[in-house]
Every structure is written in structure tokens, then in C-alpha cells.
Amino acid sequence: MMGSWAGAMGHTQFIPTSFDALAVDFTGDGKRDVWNPRKPDDA
């Protein structure tokens, strides 16, 4: 769970509350992984 000093995360820099409300599991693997450097699908 890495990101910016202000708490923004992943390819498109979601803050945790936005992630919790609106992030999706587009790959269907059971996780909303916006950090995967090789697979930006969820982000």
C-alpha cells in the first residue's frame, strides 16, 4: 500500500475514502488492486 505523502494511491491516485466508495474489481479476482504496475485494469 504505497502512494504519495498525502495518501493518494495507485495509477490514478485515489485517496482511501474514494477508493473505498468507488474502486471496482474489474479483473474479477476478488481484489480492487489499483497498485499493480503491470495490470492497471482495476485502477
PDB file of all heavy atoms in Angstrom:
ATOM      1  N   MET A   1       0.854  -1.198   0.000  1.00  0.00           N
ATOM      2  CA  MET A   1       0.000   0.000   0.000  1.00  0.00           C
ATOM      3  C   MET A   1       0.886   1.243   0.000  1.00  0.00           C
ATOM      4  O   MET A   1       1.109   1.899   1.015  1.00  0.00           O
ATOM      5  CB  MET A   1      -0.937   0.000   1.210  1.00  0.00           C
ATOM      6  CG  MET A   1      -1.967   1.113   1.170  1.00  0.00           C
ATOM      7  SD  MET A   1      -3.063   1.120   2.606  1.00  0.00           S
ATOM      8  CE  MET A   1      -4.587   0.556   1.867  1.00  0.00           C
ATOM      9  N   MET A   2       1.393   1.577  -1.176  1.00  0.00           N
ATOM     10  CA  MET A   2       2.283   2.714  -1.335  1.00  0.00           C
ATOM     11  C   MET A   2       1.571   3.838  -2.086  1.00  0.00           C
ATOM     12  O   MET A   2       0.590   3.627  -2.786  1.00  0.00           O
ATOM     13  CB  MET A   2       3.538   2.302  -2.097  1.00  0.00           C
ATOM     14  CG  MET A   2       4.243   1.080  -1.518  1.00  0.00           C
ATOM     15  SD  MET A   2       4.908   1.372   0.138  1.00  0.00           S
ATOM     16  CE  MET A   2       6.310   2.416  -0.271  1.00  0.00           C
ATOM     17  N   GLY A   3       2.090   5.048  -1.930  1.00  0.00           N
ATOM     18  CA  GLY A   3       1.483   6.183  -2.621  1.00  0.00           C
ATOM     19  C   GLY A   3       2.191   7.480  -2.304  1.00  0.00           C
ATOM     20  O   GLY A   3       3.390   7.499  -1.996  1.00  0.00           O
ATOM     21  N   SER A   4       1.438   8.571  -2.337  1.00  0.00           N
ATOM     22  CA  SER A   4       2.013   9.893  -2.112  1.00  0.00           C
ATOM     23  C   SER A   4       2.005  10.247  -0.637  1.00  0.00           C
ATOM     24  O   SER A   4       1.367   9.586   0.181  1.00  0.00           O
ATOM     25  CB  SER A   4       1.218  10.950  -2.891  1.00  0.00           C
ATOM     26  OG  SER A   4      -0.017  11.229  -2.233  1.00  0.00           O
ATOM     27  N   TRP A   5       2.676  11.342  -0.306  1.00  0.00           N
ATOM     28  CA  TRP A   5       2.734  11.786   1.089  1.00  0.00           C
ATOM     29  C   TRP A   5       1.351  12.154   1.622  1.00  0.00           C
ATOM     30  O   TRP A   5       1.106  12.080   2.817  1.00  0.00           O
ATOM     31  CB  TRP A   5       3.679  12.979   1.226  1.00  0.00           C
ATOM     32  CG  TRP A   5       3.183  14.237   0.536  1.00  0.00           C
ATOM     33  CD1 TRP A   5       3.496  14.651  -0.726  1.00  0.00           C
ATOM     34  CD2 TRP A   5       2.289  15.205   1.074  1.00  0.00           C
ATOM     35  NE1 TRP A   5       2.840  15.829  -1.009  1.00  0.00           N
ATOM     36  CE2 TRP A   5       2.089  16.201   0.080  1.00  0.00           C
ATOM     37  CE3 TRP A   5       1.628  15.354   2.288  1.00  0.00           C
ATOM     38  CZ2 TRP A   5       1.268  17.301   0.261  1.00  0.00           C
ATOM     39  CZ3 TRP A   5       0.798  16.457   2.477  1.00  0.00           C
ATOM     40  CH2 TRP A   5       0.630  17.426   1.480  1.00  0.00           C
ATOM     41  N   ALA A   6       0.420  12.515   0.719  1.00  0.00           N
ATOM     42  CA  ALA A   6      -0.925  12.923   1.141  1.00  0.00           C
ATOM     43  C   ALA A   6      -1.911  11.763   1.164  1.00  0.00           C
ATOM     44  O   ALA A   6      -3.101  11.960   1.413  1.00  0.00           O
ATOM     45  CB  ALA A   6      -1.443  14.023   0.229  1.00  0.00           C
ATOM     46  N   GLY A   7      -1.424  10.556   0.889  1.00  0.00           N
ATOM     47  CA  GLY A   7      -2.294   9.393   0.966  1.00  0.00           C
ATOM     48  C   GLY A   7      -2.939   8.971  -0.333  1.00  0.00           C
ATOM     49  O   GLY A   7      -3.803   8.093  -0.337  1.00  0.00           O
ATOM     50  N   ALA A   8      -2.547   9.571  -1.464  1.00  0.00           N
ATOM     51  CA  ALA A   8      -3.109   9.186  -2.761  1.00  0.00           C
ATOM     52  C   ALA A   8      -2.423   7.917  -3.254  1.00  0.00           C
ATOM     53  O   ALA A   8      -1.204   7.768  -3.126  1.00  0.00           O
ATOM     54  CB  ALA A   8      -2.936  10.310  -3.773  1.00  0.00           C
ATOM     55  N   MET A   9      -3.218   7.020  -3.847  1.00  0.00           N
ATOM     56  CA  MET A   9      -2.711   5.673  -4.117  1.00  0.00           C
ATOM     57  C   MET A   9      -2.946   5.227  -5.557  1.00  0.00           C
ATOM     58  O   MET A   9      -3.958   5.551  -6.173  1.00  0.00           O
ATOM     59  CB  MET A   9      -3.420   4.669  -3.194  1.00  0.00           C
ATOM     60  CG  MET A   9      -3.485   5.062  -1.737  1.00  0.00           C
ATOM     61  SD  MET A   9      -4.387   3.846  -0.714  1.00  0.00           S
ATOM     62  CE  MET A   9      -6.021   3.880  -1.466  1.00  0.00           C
ATOM     63  N   GLY A  10      -2.005   4.459  -6.067  1.00  0.00           N
ATOM     64  CA  GLY A  10      -2.193   3.737  -7.302  1.00  0.00           C
ATOM     65  C   GLY A  10      -2.019   4.545  -8.578  1.00  0.00           C
ATOM     66  O   GLY A  10      -1.589   5.698  -8.567  1.00  0.00           O
ATOM     67  N   HIS A  11      -2.381   3.925  -9.681  1.00  0.00           N
ATOM     68  CA  HIS A  11      -2.199   4.515 -11.010  1.00  0.00           C
ATOM     69  C   HIS A  11      -2.891   5.862 -11.152  1.00  0.00           C
ATOM     70  O   HIS A  11      -2.370   6.772 -11.806  1.00  0.00           O
ATOM     71  CB  HIS A  11      -2.751   3.570 -12.080  1.00  0.00           C
ATOM     72  CG  HIS A  11      -1.912   2.357 -12.318  1.00  0.00           C
ATOM     73  ND1 HIS A  11      -0.905   2.309 -13.256  1.00  0.00           N
ATOM     74  CD2 HIS A  11      -1.936   1.126 -11.749  1.00  0.00           C
ATOM     75  CE1 HIS A  11      -0.347   1.112 -13.262  1.00  0.00           C
ATOM     76  NE2 HIS A  11      -0.954   0.368 -12.351  1.00  0.00           N
ATOM     77  N   THR A  12      -4.065   5.994 -10.561  1.00  0.00           N
ATOM     78  CA  THR A  12      -4.836   7.232 -10.717  1.00  0.00           C
ATOM     79  C   THR A  12      -5.042   7.955  -9.394  1.00  0.00           C
ATOM     80  O   THR A  12      -5.915   8.814  -9.285  1.00  0.00           O
ATOM     81  CB  THR A  12      -6.184   6.945 -11.402  1.00  0.00           C
ATOM     82  OG1 THR A  12      -6.849   5.875 -10.718  1.00  0.00           O
ATOM     83  CG2 THR A  12      -5.976   6.557 -12.860  1.00  0.00           C
ATOM     84  N   GLN A  13      -4.248   7.609  -8.393  1.00  0.00           N
ATOM     85  CA  GLN A  13      -4.106   8.364  -7.152  1.00  0.00           C
ATOM     86  C   GLN A  13      -5.418   8.583  -6.390  1.00  0.00           C
ATOM     87  O   GLN A  13      -5.814   9.720  -6.102  1.00  0.00           O
ATOM     88  CB  GLN A  13      -3.419   9.699  -7.442  1.00  0.00           C
ATOM     89  CG  GLN A  13      -1.992   9.551  -7.966  1.00  0.00           C
ATOM     90  CD  GLN A  13      -1.023   9.020  -6.917  1.00  0.00           C
ATOM     91  OE1 GLN A  13      -0.541   9.764  -6.079  1.00  0.00           O
ATOM     92  NE2 GLN A  13      -0.731   7.718  -6.970  1.00  0.00           N
ATOM     93  N   PHE A  14      -6.065   7.499  -6.040  1.00  0.00           N
ATOM     94  CA  PHE A  14      -7.250   7.540  -5.184  1.00  0.00           C
ATOM     95  C   PHE A  14      -6.832   7.751  -3.734  1.00  0.00           C
ATOM     96  O   PHE A  14      -5.886   7.114  -3.260  1.00  0.00           O
ATOM     97  CB  PHE A  14      -8.005   6.214  -5.260  1.00  0.00           C
ATOM     98  CG  PHE A  14      -9.024   6.126  -6.362  1.00  0.00           C
ATOM     99  CD1 PHE A  14      -8.642   6.182  -7.695  1.00  0.00           C
ATOM    100  CD2 PHE A  14     -10.367   5.986  -6.068  1.00  0.00           C
ATOM    101  CE1 PHE A  14      -9.580   6.094  -8.704  1.00  0.00           C
ATOM    102  CE2 PHE A  14     -11.315   5.900  -7.074  1.00  0.00           C
ATOM    103  CZ  PHE A  14     -10.930   5.957  -8.397  1.00  0.00           C
ATOM    104  N   ILE A  15      -7.538   8.602  -3.002  1.00  0.00           N
ATOM    105  CA  ILE A  15      -7.365   8.624  -1.556  1.00  0.00           C
ATOM    106  C   ILE A  15      -8.220   7.489  -0.991  1.00  0.00           C
ATOM    107  O   ILE A  15      -9.154   7.017  -1.649  1.00  0.00           O
ATOM    108  CB  ILE A  15      -7.749   9.982  -0.931  1.00  0.00           C
ATOM    109  CG1 ILE A  15      -9.217  10.336  -1.225  1.00  0.00           C
ATOM    110  CG2 ILE A  15      -6.798  11.071  -1.399  1.00  0.00           C
ATOM    111  CD1 ILE A  15      -9.679  11.585  -0.496  1.00  0.00           C
ATOM    112  N   PRO A  16      -7.926   6.995   0.209  1.00  0.00           N
ATOM    113  CA  PRO A  16      -8.624   5.813   0.725  1.00  0.00           C
ATOM    114  C   PRO A  16     -10.144   5.906   0.728  1.00  0.00           C
ATOM    115  O   PRO A  16     -10.821   4.925   0.375  1.00  0.00           O
ATOM    116  CB  PRO A  16      -8.059   5.680   2.141  1.00  0.00           C
ATOM    117  CG  PRO A  16      -6.667   6.191   2.015  1.00  0.00           C
ATOM    118  CD  PRO A  16      -6.778   7.364   1.079  1.00  0.00           C
ATOM    119  N   THR A  17     -10.718   7.047   1.124  1.00  0.00           N
ATOM    120  CA  THR A  17     -12.181   7.127   1.177  1.00  0.00           C
ATOM    121  C   THR A  17     -12.802   7.029  -0.214  1.00  0.00           C
ATOM    122  O   THR A  17     -13.854   6.412  -0.383  1.00  0.00           O
ATOM    123  CB  THR A  17     -12.636   8.421   1.864  1.00  0.00           C
ATOM    124  OG1 THR A  17     -11.954   9.546   1.277  1.00  0.00           O
ATOM    125  CG2 THR A  17     -12.363   8.376   3.357  1.00  0.00           C
ATOM    126  N   SER A  18     -12.161   7.621  -1.219  1.00  0.00           N
ATOM    127  CA  SER A  18     -12.663   7.499  -2.590  1.00  0.00           C
ATOM    128  C   SER A  18     -12.510   6.067  -3.089  1.00  0.00           C
ATOM    129  O   SER A  18     -13.393   5.528  -3.756  1.00  0.00           O
ATOM    130  CB  SER A  18     -11.913   8.463  -3.519  1.00  0.00           C
ATOM    131  OG  SER A  18     -12.198   9.803  -3.203  1.00  0.00           O
ATOM    132  N   PHE A  19     -11.391   5.463  -2.757  1.00  0.00           N
ATOM    133  CA  PHE A  19     -11.174   4.060  -3.110  1.00  0.00           C
ATOM    134  C   PHE A  19     -12.262   3.183  -2.506  1.00  0.00           C
ATOM    135  O   PHE A  19     -12.874   2.358  -3.193  1.00  0.00           O
ATOM    136  CB  PHE A  19      -9.799   3.612  -2.619  1.00  0.00           C
ATOM    137  CG  PHE A  19      -9.497   2.148  -2.836  1.00  0.00           C
ATOM    138  CD1 PHE A  19      -8.723   1.737  -3.902  1.00  0.00           C
ATOM    139  CD2 PHE A  19      -9.984   1.175  -1.963  1.00  0.00           C
ATOM    140  CE1 PHE A  19      -8.445   0.384  -4.110  1.00  0.00           C
ATOM    141  CE2 PHE A  19      -9.717  -0.169  -2.152  1.00  0.00           C
ATOM    142  CZ  PHE A  19      -8.946  -0.565  -3.230  1.00  0.00           C
ATOM    143  N   ASP A  20     -12.503   3.363  -1.219  1.00  0.00           N
ATOM    144  CA  ASP A  20     -13.472   2.524  -0.520  1.00  0.00           C
ATOM    145  C   ASP A  20     -14.868   2.648  -1.119  1.00  0.00           C
ATOM    146  O   ASP A  20     -15.598   1.663  -1.225  1.00  0.00           O
ATOM    147  CB  ASP A  20     -13.505   2.915   0.962  1.00  0.00           C
ATOM    148  CG  ASP A  20     -14.367   1.970   1.789  1.00  0.00           C
ATOM    149  OD1 ASP A  20     -14.187   0.745   1.681  1.00  0.00           O
ATOM    150  OD2 ASP A  20     -15.225   2.469   2.541  1.00  0.00           O
ATOM    151  N   ALA A  21     -15.218   3.862  -1.555  1.00  0.00           N
ATOM    152  CA  ALA A  21     -16.562   4.107  -2.077  1.00  0.00           C
ATOM    153  C   ALA A  21     -16.717   3.729  -3.540  1.00  0.00           C
ATOM    154  O   ALA A  21     -17.786   3.273  -3.956  1.00  0.00           O
ATOM    155  CB  ALA A  21     -16.928   5.577  -1.879  1.00  0.00           C
ATOM    156  N   LEU A  22     -15.644   3.902  -4.347  1.00  0.00           N
ATOM    157  CA  LEU A  22     -15.832   3.834  -5.794  1.00  0.00           C
ATOM    158  C   LEU A  22     -14.887   2.904  -6.552  1.00  0.00           C
ATOM    159  O   LEU A  22     -15.077   2.678  -7.746  1.00  0.00           O
ATOM    160  CB  LEU A  22     -15.711   5.252  -6.379  1.00  0.00           C
ATOM    161  CG  LEU A  22     -16.794   6.232  -5.889  1.00  0.00           C
ATOM    162  CD1 LEU A  22     -16.422   7.651  -6.266  1.00  0.00           C
ATOM    163  CD2 LEU A  22     -18.140   5.858  -6.461  1.00  0.00           C
ATOM    164  N   ALA A  23     -13.878   2.366  -5.907  1.00  0.00           N
ATOM    165  CA  ALA A  23     -12.978   1.449  -6.610  1.00  0.00           C
ATOM    166  C   ALA A  23     -13.708   0.150  -6.940  1.00  0.00           C
ATOM    167  O   ALA A  23     -14.595  -0.287  -6.202  1.00  0.00           O
ATOM    168  CB  ALA A  23     -11.742   1.151  -5.759  1.00  0.00           C
ATOM    169  N   VAL A  24     -13.333  -0.463  -8.064  1.00  0.00           N
ATOM    170  CA  VAL A  24     -14.006  -1.680  -8.517  1.00  0.00           C
ATOM    171  C   VAL A  24     -12.994  -2.786  -8.801  1.00  0.00           C
ATOM    172  O   VAL A  24     -11.826  -2.529  -9.090  1.00  0.00           O
ATOM    173  CB  VAL A  24     -14.846  -1.417  -9.790  1.00  0.00           C
ATOM    174  CG1 VAL A  24     -15.944  -0.411  -9.508  1.00  0.00           C
ATOM    175  CG2 VAL A  24     -13.958  -0.945 -10.938  1.00  0.00           C
ATOM    176  N   ASP A  25     -13.476  -4.018  -8.705  1.00  0.00           N
ATOM    177  CA  ASP A  25     -12.674  -5.199  -9.051  1.00  0.00           C
ATOM    178  C   ASP A  25     -13.011  -5.569 -10.484  1.00  0.00           C
ATOM    179  O   ASP A  25     -13.853  -6.427 -10.737  1.00  0.00           O
ATOM    180  CB  ASP A  25     -12.998  -6.340  -8.085  1.00  0.00           C
ATOM    181  CG  ASP A  25     -12.349  -7.649  -8.492  1.00  0.00           C
ATOM    182  OD1 ASP A  25     -11.355  -7.602  -9.251  1.00  0.00           O
ATOM    183  OD2 ASP A  25     -12.848  -8.706  -8.066  1.00  0.00           O
ATOM    184  N   PHE A  26     -12.355  -4.922 -11.440  1.00  0.00           N
ATOM    185  CA  PHE A  26     -12.672  -5.137 -12.852  1.00  0.00           C
ATOM    186  C   PHE A  26     -12.145  -6.466 -13.358  1.00  0.00           C
ATOM    187  O   PHE A  26     -12.684  -7.049 -14.298  1.00  0.00           O
ATOM    188  CB  PHE A  26     -12.102  -3.989 -13.687  1.00  0.00           C
ATOM    189  CG  PHE A  26     -12.682  -3.891 -15.071  1.00  0.00           C
ATOM    190  CD1 PHE A  26     -14.004  -3.504 -15.266  1.00  0.00           C
ATOM    191  CD2 PHE A  26     -11.907  -4.180 -16.183  1.00  0.00           C
ATOM    192  CE1 PHE A  26     -14.552  -3.412 -16.532  1.00  0.00           C
ATOM    193  CE2 PHE A  26     -12.438  -4.088 -17.465  1.00  0.00           C
ATOM    194  CZ  PHE A  26     -13.771  -3.703 -17.639  1.00  0.00           C
ATOM    195  N   THR A  27     -11.073  -6.975 -12.735  1.00  0.00           N
ATOM    196  CA  THR A  27     -10.489  -8.237 -13.190  1.00  0.00           C
ATOM    197  C   THR A  27     -11.251  -9.444 -12.654  1.00  0.00           C
ATOM    198  O   THR A  27     -11.094 -10.553 -13.163  1.00  0.00           O
ATOM    199  CB  THR A  27      -9.021  -8.349 -12.735  1.00  0.00           C
ATOM    200  OG1 THR A  27      -8.970  -8.313 -11.301  1.00  0.00           O
ATOM    201  CG2 THR A  27      -8.191  -7.201 -13.303  1.00  0.00           C
ATOM    202  N   GLY A  28     -12.039  -9.248 -11.594  1.00  0.00           N
ATOM    203  CA  GLY A  28     -12.807 -10.349 -11.022  1.00  0.00           C
ATOM    204  C   GLY A  28     -12.006 -11.299 -10.165  1.00  0.00           C
ATOM    205  O   GLY A  28     -12.427 -12.427  -9.928  1.00  0.00           O
ATOM    206  N   ASP A  29     -10.849 -10.829  -9.652  1.00  0.00           N
ATOM    207  CA  ASP A  29     -10.015 -11.714  -8.828  1.00  0.00           C
ATOM    208  C   ASP A  29     -10.294 -11.559  -7.334  1.00  0.00           C
ATOM    209  O   ASP A  29      -9.585 -12.115  -6.500  1.00  0.00           O
ATOM    210  CB  ASP A  29      -8.532 -11.463  -9.107  1.00  0.00           C
ATOM    211  CG  ASP A  29      -8.068 -10.075  -8.687  1.00  0.00           C
ATOM    212  OD1 ASP A  29      -8.928  -9.257  -8.276  1.00  0.00           O
ATOM    213  OD2 ASP A  29      -6.865  -9.793  -8.796  1.00  0.00           O
ATOM    214  N   GLY A  30     -11.331 -10.776  -7.006  1.00  0.00           N
ATOM    215  CA  GLY A  30     -11.695 -10.609  -5.609  1.00  0.00           C
ATOM    216  C   GLY A  30     -10.993  -9.463  -4.903  1.00  0.00           C
ATOM    217  O   GLY A  30     -11.227  -9.226  -3.721  1.00  0.00           O
ATOM    218  N   LYS A  31     -10.131  -8.741  -5.619  1.00  0.00           N
ATOM    219  CA  LYS A  31      -9.407  -7.617  -5.030  1.00  0.00           C
ATOM    220  C   LYS A  31      -9.514  -6.398  -5.932  1.00  0.00           C
ATOM    221  O   LYS A  31      -9.542  -6.517  -7.157  1.00  0.00           O
ATOM    222  CB  LYS A  31      -7.925  -7.977  -4.838  1.00  0.00           C
ATOM    223  CG  LYS A  31      -7.673  -9.136  -3.896  1.00  0.00           C
ATOM    224  CD  LYS A  31      -6.185  -9.422  -3.789  1.00  0.00           C
ATOM    225  CE  LYS A  31      -5.926 -10.596  -2.841  1.00  0.00           C
ATOM    226  NZ  LYS A  31      -4.484 -10.898  -2.719  1.00  0.00           N
ATOM    227  N   ARG A  32      -9.559  -5.229  -5.301  1.00  0.00           N
ATOM    228  CA  ARG A  32      -9.527  -3.975  -6.050  1.00  0.00           C
ATOM    229  C   ARG A  32      -8.084  -3.474  -6.014  1.00  0.00           C
ATOM    230  O   ARG A  32      -7.702  -2.694  -5.150  1.00  0.00           O
ATOM    231  CB  ARG A  32     -10.493  -2.964  -5.429  1.00  0.00           C
ATOM    232  CG  ARG A  32     -11.943  -3.411  -5.453  1.00  0.00           C
ATOM    233  CD  ARG A  32     -12.839  -2.458  -4.682  1.00  0.00           C
ATOM    234  NE  ARG A  32     -12.518  -2.462  -3.242  1.00  0.00           N
ATOM    235  CZ  ARG A  32     -13.083  -1.644  -2.361  1.00  0.00           C
ATOM    236  NH1 ARG A  32     -13.976  -0.737  -2.759  1.00  0.00           N
ATOM    237  NH2 ARG A  32     -12.750  -1.713  -1.077  1.00  0.00           N
ATOM    238  N   ASP A  33      -7.298  -3.942  -6.952  1.00  0.00           N
ATOM    239  CA  ASP A  33      -5.857  -3.682  -6.929  1.00  0.00           C
ATOM    240  C   ASP A  33      -5.516  -2.542  -7.893  1.00  0.00           C
ATOM    241  O   ASP A  33      -5.304  -2.764  -9.086  1.00  0.00           O
ATOM    242  CB  ASP A  33      -5.092  -4.948  -7.303  1.00  0.00           C
ATOM    243  CG  ASP A  33      -3.592  -4.796  -7.115  1.00  0.00           C
ATOM    244  OD1 ASP A  33      -3.141  -3.678  -6.780  1.00  0.00           O
ATOM    245  OD2 ASP A  33      -2.860  -5.788  -7.305  1.00  0.00           O
ATOM    246  N   VAL A  34      -5.427  -1.323  -7.351  1.00  0.00           N
ATOM    247  CA  VAL A  34      -5.103  -0.163  -8.186  1.00  0.00           C
ATOM    248  C   VAL A  34      -3.599   0.101  -8.237  1.00  0.00           C
ATOM    249  O   VAL A  34      -3.158   1.072  -8.855  1.00  0.00           O
ATOM    250  CB  VAL A  34      -5.833   1.105  -7.682  1.00  0.00           C
ATOM    251  CG1 VAL A  34      -7.337   0.907  -7.695  1.00  0.00           C
ATOM    252  CG2 VAL A  34      -5.356   1.491  -6.276  1.00  0.00           C
ATOM    253  N   TRP A  35      -2.804  -0.775  -7.595  1.00  0.00           N
ATOM    254  CA  TRP A  35      -1.362  -0.573  -7.491  1.00  0.00           C
ATOM    255  C   TRP A  35      -0.559  -1.403  -8.491  1.00  0.00           C
ATOM    256  O   TRP A  35       0.597  -1.077  -8.737  1.00  0.00           O
ATOM    257  CB  TRP A  35      -0.887  -0.938  -6.086  1.00  0.00           C
ATOM    258  CG  TRP A  35      -1.437  -0.101  -4.993  1.00  0.00           C
ATOM    259  CD1 TRP A  35      -0.876   1.029  -4.451  1.00  0.00           C
ATOM    260  CD2 TRP A  35      -2.650  -0.330  -4.262  1.00  0.00           C
ATOM    261  NE1 TRP A  35      -1.675   1.520  -3.444  1.00  0.00           N
ATOM    262  CE2 TRP A  35      -2.774   0.714  -3.306  1.00  0.00           C
ATOM    263  CE3 TRP A  35      -3.653  -1.287  -4.334  1.00  0.00           C
ATOM    264  CZ2 TRP A  35      -3.844   0.809  -2.422  1.00  0.00           C
ATOM    265  CZ3 TRP A  35      -4.727  -1.202  -3.458  1.00  0.00           C
ATOM    266  CH2 TRP A  35      -4.822  -0.167  -2.510  1.00  0.00           C
ATOM    267  N   ASN A  36      -1.132  -2.461  -9.027  1.00  0.00           N
ATOM    268  CA  ASN A  36      -0.378  -3.407  -9.855  1.00  0.00           C
ATOM    269  C   ASN A  36       0.294  -2.686 -11.023  1.00  0.00           C
ATOM    270  O   ASN A  36      -0.378  -2.173 -11.915  1.00  0.00           O
ATOM    271  CB  ASN A  36      -1.316  -4.490 -10.389  1.00  0.00           C
ATOM    272  CG  ASN A  36      -0.565  -5.656 -11.006  1.00  0.00           C
ATOM    273  OD1 ASN A  36       0.473  -5.485 -11.633  1.00  0.00           O
ATOM    274  ND2 ASN A  36      -1.092  -6.862 -10.829  1.00  0.00           N
ATOM    275  N   PRO A  37       1.636  -2.634 -11.052  1.00  0.00           N
ATOM    276  CA  PRO A  37       2.326  -1.871 -12.102  1.00  0.00           C
ATOM    277  C   PRO A  37       2.165  -2.456 -13.495  1.00  0.00           C
ATOM    278  O   PRO A  37       2.291  -1.742 -14.488  1.00  0.00           O
ATOM    279  CB  PRO A  37       3.791  -1.903 -11.643  1.00  0.00           C
ATOM    280  CG  PRO A  37       3.896  -3.141 -10.804  1.00  0.00           C
ATOM    281  CD  PRO A  37       2.575  -3.265 -10.104  1.00  0.00           C
ATOM    282  N   ARG A  38       1.887  -3.749 -13.579  1.00  0.00           N
ATOM    283  CA  ARG A  38       1.760  -4.405 -14.879  1.00  0.00           C
ATOM    284  C   ARG A  38       0.311  -4.582 -15.331  1.00  0.00           C
ATOM    285  O   ARG A  38       0.072  -4.953 -16.466  1.00  0.00           O
ATOM    286  CB  ARG A  38       2.454  -5.782 -14.838  1.00  0.00           C
ATOM    287  CG  ARG A  38       3.958  -5.698 -14.669  1.00  0.00           C
ATOM    288  CD  ARG A  38       4.582  -7.073 -14.585  1.00  0.00           C
ATOM    289  NE  ARG A  38       4.111  -7.812 -13.416  1.00  0.00           N
ATOM    290  CZ  ARG A  38       4.610  -7.660 -12.195  1.00  0.00           C
ATOM    291  NH1 ARG A  38       5.584  -6.796 -11.982  1.00  0.00           N
ATOM    292  NH2 ARG A  38       4.134  -8.357 -11.187  1.00  0.00           N
ATOM    293  N   LYS A  39      -0.618  -4.310 -14.445  1.00  0.00           N
ATOM    294  CA  LYS A  39      -2.020  -4.554 -14.772  1.00  0.00           C
ATOM    295  C   LYS A  39      -2.877  -3.412 -14.205  1.00  0.00           C
ATOM    296  O   LYS A  39      -3.361  -3.502 -13.071  1.00  0.00           O
ATOM    297  CB  LYS A  39      -2.464  -5.902 -14.202  1.00  0.00           C
ATOM    298  CG  LYS A  39      -3.699  -6.482 -14.876  1.00  0.00           C
ATOM    299  CD  LYS A  39      -3.943  -7.902 -14.374  1.00  0.00           C
ATOM    300  CE  LYS A  39      -5.136  -8.546 -15.062  1.00  0.00           C
ATOM    301  NZ  LYS A  39      -4.964  -8.690 -16.512  1.00  0.00           N
ATOM    302  N   PRO A  40      -3.108  -2.349 -14.996  1.00  0.00           N
ATOM    303  CA  PRO A  40      -3.844  -1.185 -14.494  1.00  0.00           C
ATOM    304  C   PRO A  40      -5.361  -1.319 -14.592  1.00  0.00           C
ATOM    305  O   PRO A  40      -6.080  -0.336 -14.414  1.00  0.00           O
ATOM    306  CB  PRO A  40      -3.345  -0.070 -15.419  1.00  0.00           C
ATOM    307  CG  PRO A  40      -3.134  -0.759 -16.732  1.00  0.00           C
ATOM    308  CD  PRO A  40      -2.591  -2.132 -16.358  1.00  0.00           C
ATOM    309  N   ASP A  41      -5.857  -2.525 -14.859  1.00  0.00           N
ATOM    310  CA  ASP A  41      -7.281  -2.739 -15.126  1.00  0.00           C
ATOM    311  C   ASP A  41      -8.186  -2.153 -14.042  1.00  0.00           C
ATOM    312  O   ASP A  41      -9.108  -1.373 -14.328  1.00  0.00           O
ATOM    313  CB  ASP A  41      -7.581  -4.235 -15.271  1.00  0.00           C
ATOM    314  CG  ASP A  41      -6.743  -4.918 -16.330  1.00  0.00           C
ATOM    315  OD1 ASP A  41      -5.543  -4.585 -16.443  1.00  0.00           O
ATOM    316  OD2 ASP A  41      -7.271  -5.789 -17.038  1.00  0.00           O
ATOM    317  N   ASP A  42      -7.954  -2.556 -12.789  1.00  0.00           N
ATOM    318  CA  ASP A  42      -8.813  -2.100 -11.692  1.00  0.00           C
ATOM    319  C   ASP A  42      -8.724  -0.589 -11.516  1.00  0.00           C
ATOM    320  O   ASP A  42      -9.733   0.078 -11.247  1.00  0.00           O
ATOM    321  CB  ASP A  42      -8.425  -2.796 -10.391  1.00  0.00           C
ATOM    322  CG  ASP A  42      -8.858  -4.259 -10.353  1.00  0.00           C
ATOM    323  OD1 ASP A  42      -9.528  -4.708 -11.308  1.00  0.00           O
ATOM    324  OD2 ASP A  42      -8.511  -4.951  -9.375  1.00  0.00           O
ATOM    325  N   ALA A  43      -7.522  -0.038 -11.656  1.00  0.00           N
ATOM    326  CA  ALA A  43      -7.331   1.402 -11.457  1.00  0.00           C
ATOM    327  C   ALA A  43      -8.079   2.211 -12.516  1.00  0.00           C
ATOM    328  O   ALA A  43      -8.775   3.186 -12.197  1.00  0.00           O
ATOM    329  CB  ALA A  43      -5.847   1.745 -11.487  1.00  0.00           C
TER     330      ALA A  43
END
